[in-house]
Amino acid sequence: NAKKTVYLQMNSLKPEDTAVYYCNANLQEYSIISGID
């Protein structure tokens, strides 16, 4: 939380895991009440 960072540890990887991996965040900016993706 301090670094505002999320990690994904991937073990025992398989060829079917091949893909482009996208990070997603739902967050609030200071001037906006609702969360935004």
PDB file of all heavy atoms in Angstrom:
ATOM      1  N   ASN A   1       0.805  -1.212   0.000  1.00  0.00           N
ATOM      2  CA  ASN A   1       0.000   0.000   0.000  1.00  0.00           C
ATOM      3  C   ASN A   1       0.846   1.274   0.000  1.00  0.00           C
ATOM      4  O   ASN A   1       0.492   2.262  -0.645  1.00  0.00           O
ATOM      5  CB  ASN A   1      -0.937   0.011   1.210  1.00  0.00           C
ATOM      6  CG  ASN A   1      -2.007  -1.043   1.122  1.00  0.00           C
ATOM      7  OD1 ASN A   1      -2.372  -1.501   0.040  1.00  0.00           O
ATOM      8  ND2 ASN A   1      -2.544  -1.433   2.272  1.00  0.00           N
ATOM      9  N   ALA A   2       1.949   1.245   0.725  1.00  0.00           N
ATOM     10  CA  ALA A   2       2.806   2.422   0.794  1.00  0.00           C
ATOM     11  C   ALA A   2       3.377   2.775  -0.574  1.00  0.00           C
ATOM     12  O   ALA A   2       3.550   3.947  -0.897  1.00  0.00           O
ATOM     13  CB  ALA A   2       3.927   2.198   1.802  1.00  0.00           C
ATOM     14  N   LYS A   3       3.675   1.767  -1.367  1.00  0.00           N
ATOM     15  CA  LYS A   3       4.236   1.986  -2.692  1.00  0.00           C
ATOM     16  C   LYS A   3       3.173   2.034  -3.782  1.00  0.00           C
ATOM     17  O   LYS A   3       3.511   2.250  -4.947  1.00  0.00           O
ATOM     18  CB  LYS A   3       5.247   0.890  -3.028  1.00  0.00           C
ATOM     19  CG  LYS A   3       6.465   0.875  -2.126  1.00  0.00           C
ATOM     20  CD  LYS A   3       7.426  -0.223  -2.552  1.00  0.00           C
ATOM     21  CE  LYS A   3       8.665  -0.225  -1.676  1.00  0.00           C
ATOM     22  NZ  LYS A   3       9.610  -1.300  -2.074  1.00  0.00           N
ATOM     23  N   LYS A   4       1.910   1.832  -3.400  1.00  0.00           N
ATOM     24  CA  LYS A   4       0.810   1.779  -4.373  1.00  0.00           C
ATOM     25  C   LYS A   4       1.141   0.793  -5.487  1.00  0.00           C
ATOM     26  O   LYS A   4       0.979   1.087  -6.679  1.00  0.00           O
ATOM     27  CB  LYS A   4       0.515   3.167  -4.939  1.00  0.00           C
ATOM     28  CG  LYS A   4       0.048   4.180  -3.899  1.00  0.00           C
ATOM     29  CD  LYS A   4      -0.294   5.511  -4.539  1.00  0.00           C
ATOM     30  CE  LYS A   4      -0.813   6.513  -3.529  1.00  0.00           C
ATOM     31  NZ  LYS A   4       0.229   6.879  -2.538  1.00  0.00           N
ATOM     32  N   THR A   5       1.569  -0.365  -5.089  1.00  0.00           N
ATOM     33  CA  THR A   5       2.044  -1.367  -6.027  1.00  0.00           C
ATOM     34  C   THR A   5       1.383  -2.712  -5.760  1.00  0.00           C
ATOM     35  O   THR A   5       1.203  -3.105  -4.606  1.00  0.00           O
ATOM     36  CB  THR A   5       3.567  -1.518  -5.935  1.00  0.00           C
ATOM     37  OG1 THR A   5       4.189  -0.269  -6.237  1.00  0.00           O
ATOM     38  CG2 THR A   5       4.070  -2.576  -6.902  1.00  0.00           C
ATOM     39  N   VAL A   6       1.027  -3.386  -6.834  1.00  0.00           N
ATOM     40  CA  VAL A   6       0.494  -4.733  -6.748  1.00  0.00           C
ATOM     41  C   VAL A   6       1.443  -5.674  -7.476  1.00  0.00           C
ATOM     42  O   VAL A   6       2.063  -5.298  -8.475  1.00  0.00           O
ATOM     43  CB  VAL A   6      -0.932  -4.812  -7.334  1.00  0.00           C
ATOM     44  CG1 VAL A   6      -0.931  -4.514  -8.827  1.00  0.00           C
ATOM     45  CG2 VAL A   6      -1.546  -6.176  -7.056  1.00  0.00           C
ATOM     46  N   TYR A   7       1.569  -6.883  -6.952  1.00  0.00           N
ATOM     47  CA  TYR A   7       2.467  -7.874  -7.517  1.00  0.00           C
ATOM     48  C   TYR A   7       1.685  -9.123  -7.903  1.00  0.00           C
ATOM     49  O   TYR A   7       0.648  -9.437  -7.326  1.00  0.00           O
ATOM     50  CB  TYR A   7       3.555  -8.264  -6.516  1.00  0.00           C
ATOM     51  CG  TYR A   7       4.341  -7.101  -5.965  1.00  0.00           C
ATOM     52  CD1 TYR A   7       3.972  -6.496  -4.767  1.00  0.00           C
ATOM     53  CD2 TYR A   7       5.451  -6.601  -6.636  1.00  0.00           C
ATOM     54  CE1 TYR A   7       4.687  -5.427  -4.253  1.00  0.00           C
ATOM     55  CE2 TYR A   7       6.169  -5.536  -6.135  1.00  0.00           C
ATOM     56  CZ  TYR A   7       5.792  -4.952  -4.948  1.00  0.00           C
ATOM     57  OH  TYR A   7       6.507  -3.889  -4.447  1.00  0.00           O
ATOM     58  N   LEU A   8       2.215  -9.828  -8.852  1.00  0.00           N
ATOM     59  CA  LEU A   8       1.674 -11.128  -9.221  1.00  0.00           C
ATOM     60  C   LEU A   8       2.834 -12.103  -9.331  1.00  0.00           C
ATOM     61  O   LEU A   8       3.616 -12.033 -10.282  1.00  0.00           O
ATOM     62  CB  LEU A   8       0.905 -11.062 -10.542  1.00  0.00           C
ATOM     63  CG  LEU A   8       0.197 -12.350 -10.943  1.00  0.00           C
ATOM     64  CD1 LEU A   8      -0.953 -12.649  -9.977  1.00  0.00           C
ATOM     65  CD2 LEU A   8      -0.329 -12.263 -12.373  1.00  0.00           C
ATOM     66  N   GLN A   9       2.945 -12.969  -8.349  1.00  0.00           N
ATOM     67  CA  GLN A   9       3.956 -14.012  -8.368  1.00  0.00           C
ATOM     68  C   GLN A   9       3.391 -15.200  -9.127  1.00  0.00           C
ATOM     69  O   GLN A   9       2.371 -15.766  -8.729  1.00  0.00           O
ATOM     70  CB  GLN A   9       4.340 -14.420  -6.950  1.00  0.00           C
ATOM     71  CG  GLN A   9       5.372 -15.533  -6.870  1.00  0.00           C
ATOM     72  CD  GLN A   9       6.725 -15.109  -7.396  1.00  0.00           C
ATOM     73  OE1 GLN A   9       7.218 -14.036  -7.069  1.00  0.00           O
ATOM     74  NE2 GLN A   9       7.333 -15.956  -8.225  1.00  0.00           N
ATOM     75  N   MET A  10       4.043 -15.573 -10.200  1.00  0.00           N
ATOM     76  CA  MET A  10       3.570 -16.636 -11.067  1.00  0.00           C
ATOM     77  C   MET A  10       4.558 -17.794 -11.011  1.00  0.00           C
ATOM     78  O   MET A  10       5.702 -17.661 -11.445  1.00  0.00           O
ATOM     79  CB  MET A  10       3.401 -16.138 -12.501  1.00  0.00           C
ATOM     80  CG  MET A  10       2.485 -14.923 -12.625  1.00  0.00           C
ATOM     81  SD  MET A  10       2.185 -14.446 -14.346  1.00  0.00           S
ATOM     82  CE  MET A  10       3.838 -13.903 -14.801  1.00  0.00           C
ATOM     83  N   ASN A  11       4.113 -18.905 -10.477  1.00  0.00           N
ATOM     84  CA  ASN A  11       4.923 -20.105 -10.374  1.00  0.00           C
ATOM     85  C   ASN A  11       4.336 -21.214 -11.238  1.00  0.00           C
ATOM     86  O   ASN A  11       3.177 -21.164 -11.633  1.00  0.00           O
ATOM     87  CB  ASN A  11       5.007 -20.575  -8.922  1.00  0.00           C
ATOM     88  CG  ASN A  11       5.651 -19.567  -8.001  1.00  0.00           C
ATOM     89  OD1 ASN A  11       6.568 -18.842  -8.391  1.00  0.00           O
ATOM     90  ND2 ASN A  11       5.191 -19.518  -6.755  1.00  0.00           N
ATOM     91  N   SER A  12       5.152 -22.211 -11.501  1.00  0.00           N
ATOM     92  CA  SER A  12       4.723 -23.365 -12.302  1.00  0.00           C
ATOM     93  C   SER A  12       4.055 -22.926 -13.591  1.00  0.00           C
ATOM     94  O   SER A  12       2.982 -23.409 -13.957  1.00  0.00           O
ATOM     95  CB  SER A  12       3.785 -24.253 -11.478  1.00  0.00           C
ATOM     96  OG  SER A  12       4.407 -24.700 -10.293  1.00  0.00           O
ATOM     97  N   LEU A  13       4.697 -22.021 -14.280  1.00  0.00           N
ATOM     98  CA  LEU A  13       4.105 -21.453 -15.486  1.00  0.00           C
ATOM     99  C   LEU A  13       3.946 -22.498 -16.584  1.00  0.00           C
ATOM    100  O   LEU A  13       4.778 -23.403 -16.736  1.00  0.00           O
ATOM    101  CB  LEU A  13       4.951 -20.291 -15.989  1.00  0.00           C
ATOM    102  CG  LEU A  13       4.773 -18.987 -15.202  1.00  0.00           C
ATOM    103  CD1 LEU A  13       5.918 -18.034 -15.465  1.00  0.00           C
ATOM    104  CD2 LEU A  13       3.439 -18.342 -15.569  1.00  0.00           C
ATOM    105  N   LYS A  14       2.876 -22.351 -17.328  1.00  0.00           N
ATOM    106  CA  LYS A  14       2.541 -23.233 -18.426  1.00  0.00           C
ATOM    107  C   LYS A  14       2.491 -22.437 -19.723  1.00  0.00           C
ATOM    108  O   LYS A  14       2.247 -21.233 -19.704  1.00  0.00           O
ATOM    109  CB  LYS A  14       1.177 -23.894 -18.184  1.00  0.00           C
ATOM    110  CG  LYS A  14       1.048 -24.630 -16.871  1.00  0.00           C
ATOM    111  CD  LYS A  14      -0.376 -25.115 -16.672  1.00  0.00           C
ATOM    112  CE  LYS A  14      -0.530 -25.830 -15.345  1.00  0.00           C
ATOM    113  NZ  LYS A  14      -1.939 -26.284 -15.139  1.00  0.00           N
ATOM    114  N   PRO A  15       2.693 -23.099 -20.861  1.00  0.00           N
ATOM    115  CA  PRO A  15       2.580 -22.384 -22.133  1.00  0.00           C
ATOM    116  C   PRO A  15       1.239 -21.683 -22.308  1.00  0.00           C
ATOM    117  O   PRO A  15       1.179 -20.623 -22.945  1.00  0.00           O
ATOM    118  CB  PRO A  15       2.765 -23.493 -23.172  1.00  0.00           C
ATOM    119  CG  PRO A  15       3.644 -24.483 -22.488  1.00  0.00           C
ATOM    120  CD  PRO A  15       3.190 -24.476 -21.049  1.00  0.00           C
ATOM    121  N   GLU A  16       0.183 -22.223 -21.742  1.00  0.00           N
ATOM    122  CA  GLU A  16      -1.132 -21.610 -21.845  1.00  0.00           C
ATOM    123  C   GLU A  16      -1.243 -20.309 -21.071  1.00  0.00           C
ATOM    124  O   GLU A  16      -2.221 -19.577 -21.220  1.00  0.00           O
ATOM    125  CB  GLU A  16      -2.217 -22.587 -21.369  1.00  0.00           C
ATOM    126  CG  GLU A  16      -2.099 -22.980 -19.905  1.00  0.00           C
ATOM    127  CD  GLU A  16      -2.917 -24.210 -19.556  1.00  0.00           C
ATOM    128  OE1 GLU A  16      -2.549 -25.306 -20.020  1.00  0.00           O
ATOM    129  OE2 GLU A  16      -3.929 -24.069 -18.831  1.00  0.00           O
ATOM    130  N   ASP A  17      -0.254 -20.015 -20.231  1.00  0.00           N
ATOM    131  CA  ASP A  17      -0.225 -18.738 -19.528  1.00  0.00           C
ATOM    132  C   ASP A  17       0.313 -17.611 -20.400  1.00  0.00           C
ATOM    133  O   ASP A  17       0.279 -16.447 -19.981  1.00  0.00           O
ATOM    134  CB  ASP A  17       0.630 -18.837 -18.265  1.00  0.00           C
ATOM    135  CG  ASP A  17       0.047 -19.780 -17.233  1.00  0.00           C
ATOM    136  OD1 ASP A  17      -1.184 -19.750 -17.027  1.00  0.00           O
ATOM    137  OD2 ASP A  17       0.828 -20.549 -16.619  1.00  0.00           O
ATOM    138  N   THR A  18       0.819 -17.937 -21.566  1.00  0.00           N
ATOM    139  CA  THR A  18       1.354 -16.923 -22.464  1.00  0.00           C
ATOM    140  C   THR A  18       0.272 -15.917 -22.833  1.00  0.00           C
ATOM    141  O   THR A  18      -0.790 -16.286 -23.330  1.00  0.00           O
ATOM    142  CB  THR A  18       1.917 -17.572 -23.730  1.00  0.00           C
ATOM    143  OG1 THR A  18       3.025 -18.408 -23.384  1.00  0.00           O
ATOM    144  CG2 THR A  18       2.384 -16.511 -24.713  1.00  0.00           C
ATOM    145  N   ALA A  19       0.551 -14.658 -22.580  1.00  0.00           N
ATOM    146  CA  ALA A  19      -0.419 -13.599 -22.838  1.00  0.00           C
ATOM    147  C   ALA A  19       0.212 -12.254 -22.512  1.00  0.00           C
ATOM    148  O   ALA A  19       1.291 -12.181 -21.923  1.00  0.00           O
ATOM    149  CB  ALA A  19      -1.679 -13.793 -21.988  1.00  0.00           C
ATOM    150  N   VAL A  20      -0.476 -11.213 -22.905  1.00  0.00           N
ATOM    151  CA  VAL A  20      -0.150  -9.879 -22.417  1.00  0.00           C
ATOM    152  C   VAL A  20      -0.906  -9.675 -21.118  1.00  0.00           C
ATOM    153  O   VAL A  20      -2.129  -9.833 -21.079  1.00  0.00           O
ATOM    154  CB  VAL A  20      -0.518  -8.786 -23.434  1.00  0.00           C
ATOM    155  CG1 VAL A  20      -0.240  -7.403 -22.854  1.00  0.00           C
ATOM    156  CG2 VAL A  20       0.266  -8.980 -24.725  1.00  0.00           C
ATOM    157  N   TYR A  21      -0.190  -9.339 -20.076  1.00  0.00           N
ATOM    158  CA  TYR A  21      -0.783  -9.151 -18.765  1.00  0.00           C
ATOM    159  C   TYR A  21      -0.961  -7.659 -18.499  1.00  0.00           C
ATOM    160  O   TYR A  21      -0.018  -6.881 -18.608  1.00  0.00           O
ATOM    161  CB  TYR A  21       0.089  -9.786 -17.684  1.00  0.00           C
ATOM    162  CG  TYR A  21      -0.027 -11.284 -17.638  1.00  0.00           C
ATOM    163  CD1 TYR A  21       0.511 -12.063 -18.650  1.00  0.00           C
ATOM    164  CD2 TYR A  21      -0.694 -11.926 -16.596  1.00  0.00           C
ATOM    165  CE1 TYR A  21       0.392 -13.442 -18.631  1.00  0.00           C
ATOM    166  CE2 TYR A  21      -0.815 -13.302 -16.568  1.00  0.00           C
ATOM    167  CZ  TYR A  21      -0.277 -14.057 -17.586  1.00  0.00           C
ATOM    168  OH  TYR A  21      -0.399 -15.427 -17.562  1.00  0.00           O
ATOM    169  N   TYR A  22      -2.178  -7.298 -18.148  1.00  0.00           N
ATOM    170  CA  TYR A  22      -2.531  -5.906 -17.924  1.00  0.00           C
ATOM    171  C   TYR A  22      -2.855  -5.660 -16.461  1.00  0.00           C
ATOM    172  O   TYR A  22      -3.605  -6.417 -15.847  1.00  0.00           O
ATOM    173  CB  TYR A  22      -3.755  -5.510 -18.757  1.00  0.00           C
ATOM    174  CG  TYR A  22      -3.541  -5.574 -20.243  1.00  0.00           C
ATOM    175  CD1 TYR A  22      -3.831  -6.730 -20.955  1.00  0.00           C
ATOM    176  CD2 TYR A  22      -3.064  -4.475 -20.942  1.00  0.00           C
ATOM    177  CE1 TYR A  22      -3.642  -6.794 -22.324  1.00  0.00           C
ATOM    178  CE2 TYR A  22      -2.877  -4.524 -22.307  1.00  0.00           C
ATOM    179  CZ  TYR A  22      -3.166  -5.693 -22.995  1.00  0.00           C
ATOM    180  OH  TYR A  22      -2.984  -5.746 -24.354  1.00  0.00           O
ATOM    181  N   CYS A  23      -2.307  -4.604 -15.934  1.00  0.00           N
ATOM    182  CA  CYS A  23      -2.643  -4.171 -14.589  1.00  0.00           C
ATOM    183  C   CYS A  23      -3.896  -3.314 -14.629  1.00  0.00           C
ATOM    184  O   CYS A  23      -4.070  -2.482 -15.531  1.00  0.00           O
ATOM    185  CB  CYS A  23      -1.480  -3.380 -13.992  1.00  0.00           C
ATOM    186  SG  CYS A  23      -1.776  -2.763 -12.315  1.00  0.00           S
ATOM    187  N   ASN A  24      -4.764  -3.525 -13.664  1.00  0.00           N
ATOM    188  CA  ASN A  24      -5.989  -2.741 -13.540  1.00  0.00           C
ATOM    189  C   ASN A  24      -6.106  -2.215 -12.118  1.00  0.00           C
ATOM    190  O   ASN A  24      -5.785  -2.918 -11.164  1.00  0.00           O
ATOM    191  CB  ASN A  24      -7.213  -3.594 -13.884  1.00  0.00           C
ATOM    192  CG  ASN A  24      -8.515  -2.907 -13.541  1.00  0.00           C
ATOM    193  OD1 ASN A  24      -9.107  -3.154 -12.487  1.00  0.00           O
ATOM    194  ND2 ASN A  24      -8.970  -2.035 -14.426  1.00  0.00           N
ATOM    195  N   ALA A  25      -6.562  -0.988 -11.988  1.00  0.00           N
ATOM    196  CA  ALA A  25      -6.782  -0.405 -10.676  1.00  0.00           C
ATOM    197  C   ALA A  25      -8.059   0.406 -10.675  1.00  0.00           C
ATOM    198  O   ALA A  25      -8.340   1.142 -11.627  1.00  0.00           O
ATOM    199  CB  ALA A  25      -5.610   0.473 -10.258  1.00  0.00           C
ATOM    200  N   ASN A  26      -8.830   0.240  -9.625  1.00  0.00           N
ATOM    201  CA  ASN A  26      -9.970   1.105  -9.371  1.00  0.00           C
ATOM    202  C   ASN A  26      -9.576   2.026  -8.231  1.00  0.00           C
ATOM    203  O   ASN A  26      -9.308   1.562  -7.123  1.00  0.00           O
ATOM    204  CB  ASN A  26     -11.210   0.295  -9.015  1.00  0.00           C
ATOM    205  CG  ASN A  26     -12.428   1.165  -8.825  1.00  0.00           C
ATOM    206  OD1 ASN A  26     -12.704   1.648  -7.735  1.00  0.00           O
ATOM    207  ND2 ASN A  26     -13.171   1.374  -9.915  1.00  0.00           N
ATOM    208  N   LEU A  27      -9.524   3.320  -8.504  1.00  0.00           N
ATOM    209  CA  LEU A  27      -9.003   4.246  -7.517  1.00  0.00           C
ATOM    210  C   LEU A  27      -9.782   5.549  -7.506  1.00  0.00           C
ATOM    211  O   LEU A  27     -10.573   5.836  -8.409  1.00  0.00           O
ATOM    212  CB  LEU A  27      -7.510   4.511  -7.766  1.00  0.00           C
ATOM    213  CG  LEU A  27      -7.084   4.971  -9.166  1.00  0.00           C
ATOM    214  CD1 LEU A  27      -7.290   6.474  -9.332  1.00  0.00           C
ATOM    215  CD2 LEU A  27      -5.626   4.609  -9.408  1.00  0.00           C
ATOM    216  N   GLN A  28      -9.530   6.314  -6.467  1.00  0.00           N
ATOM    217  CA  GLN A  28     -10.129   7.629  -6.314  1.00  0.00           C
ATOM    218  C   GLN A  28      -9.050   8.697  -6.399  1.00  0.00           C
ATOM    219  O   GLN A  28      -8.026   8.617  -5.715  1.00  0.00           O
ATOM    220  CB  GLN A  28     -10.857   7.748  -4.974  1.00  0.00           C
ATOM    221  CG  GLN A  28     -12.112   6.897  -4.864  1.00  0.00           C
ATOM    222  CD  GLN A  28     -12.762   7.035  -3.514  1.00  0.00           C
ATOM    223  OE1 GLN A  28     -12.352   6.388  -2.555  1.00  0.00           O
ATOM    224  NE2 GLN A  28     -13.772   7.889  -3.430  1.00  0.00           N
ATOM    225  N   GLU A  29      -9.283   9.678  -7.224  1.00  0.00           N
ATOM    226  CA  GLU A  29      -8.435  10.855  -7.265  1.00  0.00           C
ATOM    227  C   GLU A  29      -8.942  11.878  -6.250  1.00  0.00           C
ATOM    228  O   GLU A  29     -10.078  11.788  -5.783  1.00  0.00           O
ATOM    229  CB  GLU A  29      -8.414  11.449  -8.672  1.00  0.00           C
ATOM    230  CG  GLU A  29      -7.872  10.488  -9.717  1.00  0.00           C
ATOM    231  CD  GLU A  29      -7.900  11.068 -11.110  1.00  0.00           C
ATOM    232  OE1 GLU A  29      -7.173  12.053 -11.346  1.00  0.00           O
ATOM    233  OE2 GLU A  29      -8.650  10.539 -11.948  1.00  0.00           O
ATOM    234  N   TYR A  30      -8.111  12.835  -5.930  1.00  0.00           N
ATOM    235  CA  TYR A  30      -8.467  13.788  -4.880  1.00  0.00           C
ATOM    236  C   TYR A  30      -9.732  14.580  -5.194  1.00  0.00           C
ATOM    237  O   TYR A  30     -10.512  14.900  -4.306  1.00  0.00           O
ATOM    238  CB  TYR A  30      -7.312  14.745  -4.642  1.00  0.00           C
ATOM    239  CG  TYR A  30      -6.170  14.136  -3.870  1.00  0.00           C
ATOM    240  CD1 TYR A  30      -4.999  13.753  -4.510  1.00  0.00           C
ATOM    241  CD2 TYR A  30      -6.267  13.946  -2.493  1.00  0.00           C
ATOM    242  CE1 TYR A  30      -3.954  13.185  -3.796  1.00  0.00           C
ATOM    243  CE2 TYR A  30      -5.226  13.385  -1.781  1.00  0.00           C
ATOM    244  CZ  TYR A  30      -4.071  13.007  -2.436  1.00  0.00           C
ATOM    245  OH  TYR A  30      -3.034  12.450  -1.728  1.00  0.00           O
ATOM    246  N   SER A  31      -9.952  14.894  -6.438  1.00  0.00           N
ATOM    247  CA  SER A  31     -11.075  15.744  -6.825  1.00  0.00           C
ATOM    248  C   SER A  31     -12.298  14.965  -7.301  1.00  0.00           C
ATOM    249  O   SER A  31     -13.279  15.570  -7.726  1.00  0.00           O
ATOM    250  CB  SER A  31     -10.639  16.712  -7.931  1.00  0.00           C
ATOM    251  OG  SER A  31     -10.215  16.013  -9.082  1.00  0.00           O
ATOM    252  N   ILE A  32     -12.248  13.642  -7.218  1.00  0.00           N
ATOM    253  CA  ILE A  32     -13.339  12.810  -7.709  1.00  0.00           C
ATOM    254  C   ILE A  32     -13.810  11.882  -6.599  1.00  0.00           C
ATOM    255  O   ILE A  32     -13.004  11.234  -5.937  1.00  0.00           O
ATOM    256  CB  ILE A  32     -12.905  11.989  -8.931  1.00  0.00           C
ATOM    257  CG1 ILE A  32     -12.420  12.920 -10.044  1.00  0.00           C
ATOM    258  CG2 ILE A  32     -14.052  11.119  -9.436  1.00  0.00           C
ATOM    259  CD1 ILE A  32     -11.862  12.207 -11.242  1.00  0.00           C
ATOM    260  N   ILE A  33     -15.139  11.802  -6.415  1.00  0.00           N
ATOM    261  CA  ILE A  33     -15.704  10.988  -5.353  1.00  0.00           C
ATOM    262  C   ILE A  33     -15.752   9.516  -5.752  1.00  0.00           C
ATOM    263  O   ILE A  33     -15.382   8.638  -4.972  1.00  0.00           O
ATOM    264  CB  ILE A  33     -17.107  11.490  -4.976  1.00  0.00           C
ATOM    265  CG1 ILE A  33     -17.028  12.913  -4.423  1.00  0.00           C
ATOM    266  CG2 ILE A  33     -17.755  10.555  -3.963  1.00  0.00           C
ATOM    267  CD1 ILE A  33     -18.392  13.520  -4.132  1.00  0.00           C
ATOM    268  N   SER A  34     -16.227   9.255  -6.961  1.00  0.00           N
ATOM    269  CA  SER A  34     -16.401   7.886  -7.418  1.00  0.00           C
ATOM    270  C   SER A  34     -15.079   7.269  -7.845  1.00  0.00           C
ATOM    271  O   SER A  34     -14.146   7.963  -8.243  1.00  0.00           O
ATOM    272  CB  SER A  34     -17.391   7.840  -8.576  1.00  0.00           C
ATOM    273  OG  SER A  34     -18.649   8.340  -8.195  1.00  0.00           O
ATOM    274  N   GLY A  35     -15.031   5.954  -7.767  1.00  0.00           N
ATOM    275  CA  GLY A  35     -13.866   5.237  -8.225  1.00  0.00           C
ATOM    276  C   GLY A  35     -13.806   5.164  -9.744  1.00  0.00           C
ATOM    277  O   GLY A  35     -14.833   5.138 -10.419  1.00  0.00           O
ATOM    278  N   ILE A  36     -12.600   5.142 -10.266  1.00  0.00           N
ATOM    279  CA  ILE A  36     -12.371   5.110 -11.696  1.00  0.00           C
ATOM    280  C   ILE A  36     -11.388   3.989 -12.020  1.00  0.00           C
ATOM    281  O   ILE A  36     -10.412   3.785 -11.291  1.00  0.00           O
ATOM    282  CB  ILE A  36     -11.824   6.450 -12.214  1.00  0.00           C
ATOM    283  CG1 ILE A  36     -12.813   7.582 -11.904  1.00  0.00           C
ATOM    284  CG2 ILE A  36     -11.552   6.381 -13.707  1.00  0.00           C
ATOM    285  CD1 ILE A  36     -12.289   8.953 -12.257  1.00  0.00           C
ATOM    286  N   ASP A  37     -11.655   3.287 -13.099  1.00  0.00           N
ATOM    287  CA  ASP A  37     -10.772   2.218 -13.545  1.00  0.00           C
ATOM    288  C   ASP A  37      -9.662   2.762 -14.428  1.00  0.00           C
ATOM    289  O   ASP A  37      -9.905   3.558 -15.337  1.00  0.00           O
ATOM    290  CB  ASP A  37     -11.553   1.156 -14.318  1.00  0.00           C
ATOM    291  CG  ASP A  37     -12.265   0.183 -13.405  1.00  0.00           C
ATOM    292  OD1 ASP A  37     -11.691  -0.192 -12.373  1.00  0.00           O
ATOM    293  OD2 ASP A  37     -13.400  -0.205 -13.744  1.00  0.00           O
TER     294      ASP A  37
END
